[in-house]
Protein backbone atom coordinates (compact mmCIF):
# COMPACT_ATOMS: atom_id res chain seq x y z
CA MET A 1 50.08 57.84 9.10
CA LEU A 2 45.88 57.74 9.15
CA ARG A 3 46.53 61.42 7.86
CA THR A 4 48.84 59.93 5.16
CA MET A 5 46.22 56.65 4.33
CA LEU A 6 43.03 59.77 4.18
CA GLY A 7 45.11 62.11 2.14
CA THR A 8 46.59 59.67 -0.28
CA LEU A 9 42.24 58.05 -0.76
CA LEU A 10 41.22 61.25 -0.85
CA GLY A 11 43.83 62.17 -3.85
CA LEU A 12 42.68 59.17 -5.48
CA LEU A 13 39.43 60.03 -5.38
CA LEU A 14 39.71 63.06 -6.87
CA LEU A 15 41.98 61.85 -9.75
CA LEU A 16 39.12 58.94 -10.75
CA GLY A 17 36.45 62.25 -10.89
CA PRO A 18 32.69 61.76 -9.90
CA THR A 19 31.54 58.65 -9.69
CA ALA A 20 28.39 59.31 -9.45
CA PRO A 21 25.97 59.79 -12.25
CA ALA A 22 25.59 63.52 -13.57
CA GLN A 23 22.03 64.94 -13.85
CA ALA A 24 20.95 65.33 -17.44
CA GLN A 25 20.84 68.63 -18.82
CA LEU A 26 18.49 68.51 -21.46
CA ALA A 27 15.98 70.69 -19.32
CA SER A 28 12.37 70.96 -20.32
CA GLY A 29 11.54 72.99 -23.37
CA THR A 30 14.59 72.70 -25.00
CA ARG A 31 14.28 71.26 -28.62
CA ALA A 32 15.65 67.22 -28.11
CA PRO A 33 19.01 66.53 -30.72
CA ASP A 34 17.48 64.29 -33.13
CA PHE A 35 19.32 61.86 -33.81
CA LYS A 36 18.88 57.88 -36.44
CA THR A 37 20.10 54.71 -35.12
CA MET A 38 19.16 50.73 -35.04
CA GLY A 39 17.03 48.76 -33.17
CA MET A 40 14.76 46.03 -32.33
CA LEU A 41 11.26 45.02 -31.26
CA GLY A 42 11.43 40.97 -30.64
CA ASP A 43 13.69 39.42 -33.73
CA GLN A 44 12.89 42.20 -35.65
CA ARG A 45 15.53 44.92 -36.84
CA PHE A 46 14.46 48.10 -37.45
CA ARG A 47 15.66 51.87 -38.48
CA VAL A 48 15.03 54.78 -35.47
CA HIS A 49 15.27 58.48 -36.32
CA LEU A 50 13.64 60.64 -34.20
CA ALA A 51 11.96 63.07 -36.90
CA GLU A 52 9.84 60.09 -37.57
CA GLN A 53 8.66 58.90 -34.31
CA LEU A 54 7.94 62.28 -33.77
CA ARG A 55 5.66 62.64 -36.76
CA HIS A 56 3.20 59.60 -35.11
CA GLY A 57 2.74 61.22 -31.29
CA PRO A 58 5.52 61.97 -28.55
CA VAL A 59 8.55 59.84 -27.70
CA VAL A 60 9.32 58.20 -24.88
CA LEU A 61 13.29 57.90 -24.73
CA TYR A 62 14.44 55.83 -21.70
CA PHE A 63 18.23 55.44 -21.56
CA PHE A 64 19.23 52.21 -18.92
CA PRO A 65 22.63 50.95 -18.39
CA LYS A 66 23.18 47.71 -18.91
CA ALA A 67 19.96 44.94 -20.25
CA PHE A 68 19.44 41.66 -17.75
CA THR A 69 20.84 44.04 -14.65
CA LYS A 70 18.29 43.38 -12.04
CA GLY A 71 17.21 47.77 -12.31
CA CYS A 72 16.41 47.60 -16.04
CA THR A 73 14.48 44.48 -15.80
CA LEU A 74 12.02 45.21 -13.29
CA GLU A 75 12.35 49.39 -15.26
CA SER A 76 11.79 47.82 -19.10
CA LYS A 77 9.03 44.98 -17.57
CA ALA A 78 7.55 47.87 -16.05
CA PHE A 79 7.55 49.54 -19.51
CA ALA A 80 6.23 47.01 -21.19
CA ASP A 81 2.87 46.27 -18.52
CA ALA A 82 2.52 49.68 -19.30
CA MET A 83 2.05 49.77 -23.18
CA PRO A 84 -1.62 49.85 -23.28
CA ARG A 85 -1.87 53.24 -21.73
CA PHE A 86 1.03 54.41 -23.57
CA LYS A 87 -0.35 53.28 -26.93
CA ALA A 88 -3.50 54.58 -26.38
CA ALA A 89 -1.97 58.24 -24.60
CA GLY A 90 -0.38 58.42 -28.37
CA ALA A 91 3.35 57.76 -27.65
CA GLN A 92 5.57 55.77 -28.36
CA VAL A 93 8.42 53.91 -26.25
CA ILE A 94 11.85 53.41 -27.05
CA GLY A 95 14.50 51.82 -24.49
CA LEU A 96 18.30 52.61 -25.16
CA SER A 97 21.57 51.26 -23.89
CA THR A 98 25.17 50.51 -25.47
CA ASP A 99 24.18 47.13 -25.61
CA ASN A 100 24.49 45.50 -29.20
CA LEU A 101 21.81 44.89 -31.58
CA ASP A 102 21.30 40.71 -30.74
CA THR A 103 21.80 41.23 -26.94
CA LEU A 104 18.67 43.57 -27.43
CA ALA A 105 16.70 40.72 -29.58
CA ARG A 106 16.92 39.18 -26.21
CA PHE A 107 15.93 41.63 -23.82
CA SER A 108 13.23 43.31 -26.28
CA THR A 109 12.00 39.12 -26.79
CA GLU A 110 12.21 37.51 -23.38
CA VAL A 111 12.12 40.43 -20.44
CA CYS A 112 9.18 42.85 -22.60
CA ARG A 113 7.66 40.36 -24.46
CA SER A 114 8.12 41.72 -27.58
CA LYS A 115 5.93 44.86 -26.50
CA VAL A 116 8.61 47.59 -26.26
CA PRO A 117 11.27 48.36 -28.82
CA MET A 118 15.09 48.45 -27.69
CA ALA A 119 17.46 50.35 -29.44
CA HIS A 120 21.35 51.06 -30.13
CA ALA A 121 23.02 53.98 -27.82
CA SER A 122 26.29 54.74 -29.12
CA PRO A 123 28.72 57.72 -27.18
CA ALA A 124 27.88 60.11 -29.64
CA LEU A 125 23.60 59.56 -28.54
CA LEU A 126 24.20 59.40 -24.75
CA ALA A 127 26.63 62.61 -24.90
CA ALA A 128 24.17 64.94 -27.10
CA TYR A 129 21.42 63.63 -24.30
CA ASP A 130 23.81 64.24 -21.19
CA VAL A 131 23.28 60.79 -19.79
CA GLU A 132 26.72 59.05 -20.11
CA LEU A 133 27.32 57.03 -17.16
CA ALA A 134 31.41 56.46 -17.22
CA GLY A 135 32.14 53.46 -14.54
CA ILE A 136 35.06 52.81 -12.59
CA GLY A 137 37.63 51.15 -15.52
CA ALA A 138 34.65 51.12 -18.06
CA VAL A 139 36.16 51.33 -21.49
CA VAL A 140 32.60 51.65 -22.94
CA PRO A 141 30.73 54.51 -21.30
CA VAL A 142 27.06 53.16 -21.11
CA ALA A 143 24.08 55.48 -20.17
CA ASP A 144 23.08 56.23 -16.93
CA ARG A 145 19.43 55.87 -16.20
CA THR A 146 16.57 58.66 -17.71
CA SER A 147 13.56 58.95 -19.43
CA TYR A 148 13.01 61.48 -21.71
CA VAL A 149 9.12 62.53 -22.90
CA ILE A 150 9.41 64.48 -26.39
CA ALA A 151 7.03 66.55 -27.59
CA PRO A 152 5.43 66.16 -31.12
CA ASP A 153 7.04 69.37 -31.46
CA GLY A 154 10.47 67.95 -31.15
CA THR A 155 11.06 69.94 -27.83
CA VAL A 156 11.61 68.27 -23.71
CA ALA A 157 8.28 67.56 -22.32
CA MET A 158 10.01 66.19 -19.25
CA VAL A 159 12.61 64.65 -17.65
CA HIS A 160 13.36 62.46 -14.87
CA SER A 161 16.99 61.30 -14.41
CA GLU A 162 17.41 58.55 -11.45
CA MET A 163 19.53 55.27 -11.03
CA ASP A 164 16.76 53.85 -8.95
CA TYR A 165 14.48 52.51 -11.98
CA ALA A 166 11.07 52.89 -9.67
CA ASP A 167 9.45 56.77 -11.16
CA HIS A 168 10.04 56.37 -14.41
CA VAL A 169 7.59 54.65 -15.98
CA ALA A 170 5.03 56.59 -13.13
CA LYS A 171 6.80 60.12 -14.18
CA THR A 172 6.87 59.41 -18.32
CA LEU A 173 3.40 58.46 -18.38
CA GLN A 174 1.89 60.92 -17.06
CA ALA A 175 3.95 63.55 -18.69
CA VAL A 176 2.07 61.80 -22.22
CA GLU A 177 -0.98 61.82 -20.74
CA ASP A 178 -0.37 65.47 -19.73
CA LEU A 179 0.94 66.11 -23.35
CA SER A 180 -2.59 64.34 -24.34
CA ARG A 181 -5.47 66.50 -22.51
CA ARG A 182 -3.51 69.57 -23.83
């Protein structure tokens, strides 16, 4: 009986596929996929085009699963607190999730004090950056927690993919500061 139950459970797990997020596949030195999307900084709507953003310096893209959840809130507050250092190093920071623009506007305003722009990540954008995380029963995929530092030449300078938010800000800031010293 126990063997039958274990066999059935194992079969279901194999059928459902992996539940852990895949690690980001974009390696340092590869070209970052260009994209266009819409974003919000506070209540101000803007268009995001990566190629245009890179004309002004390095860009930090941090993908996060869902606005107003504990880890995403703490991570985004930490990015907001570090914005003066990112700006001093010449970098722009953009948070990306599958949330709609109204939610991202509230998140940018309430959590980030209108210091961090938030942009919508479509399923195609998630796939291009290999940050898609499909939860069990999820109709719309969400992003896993992955941060990219994109150098002004459009190449990936650093990638950090870990669902624990704690190191994303420190590691991306270090990579941006390293780029500014080159």
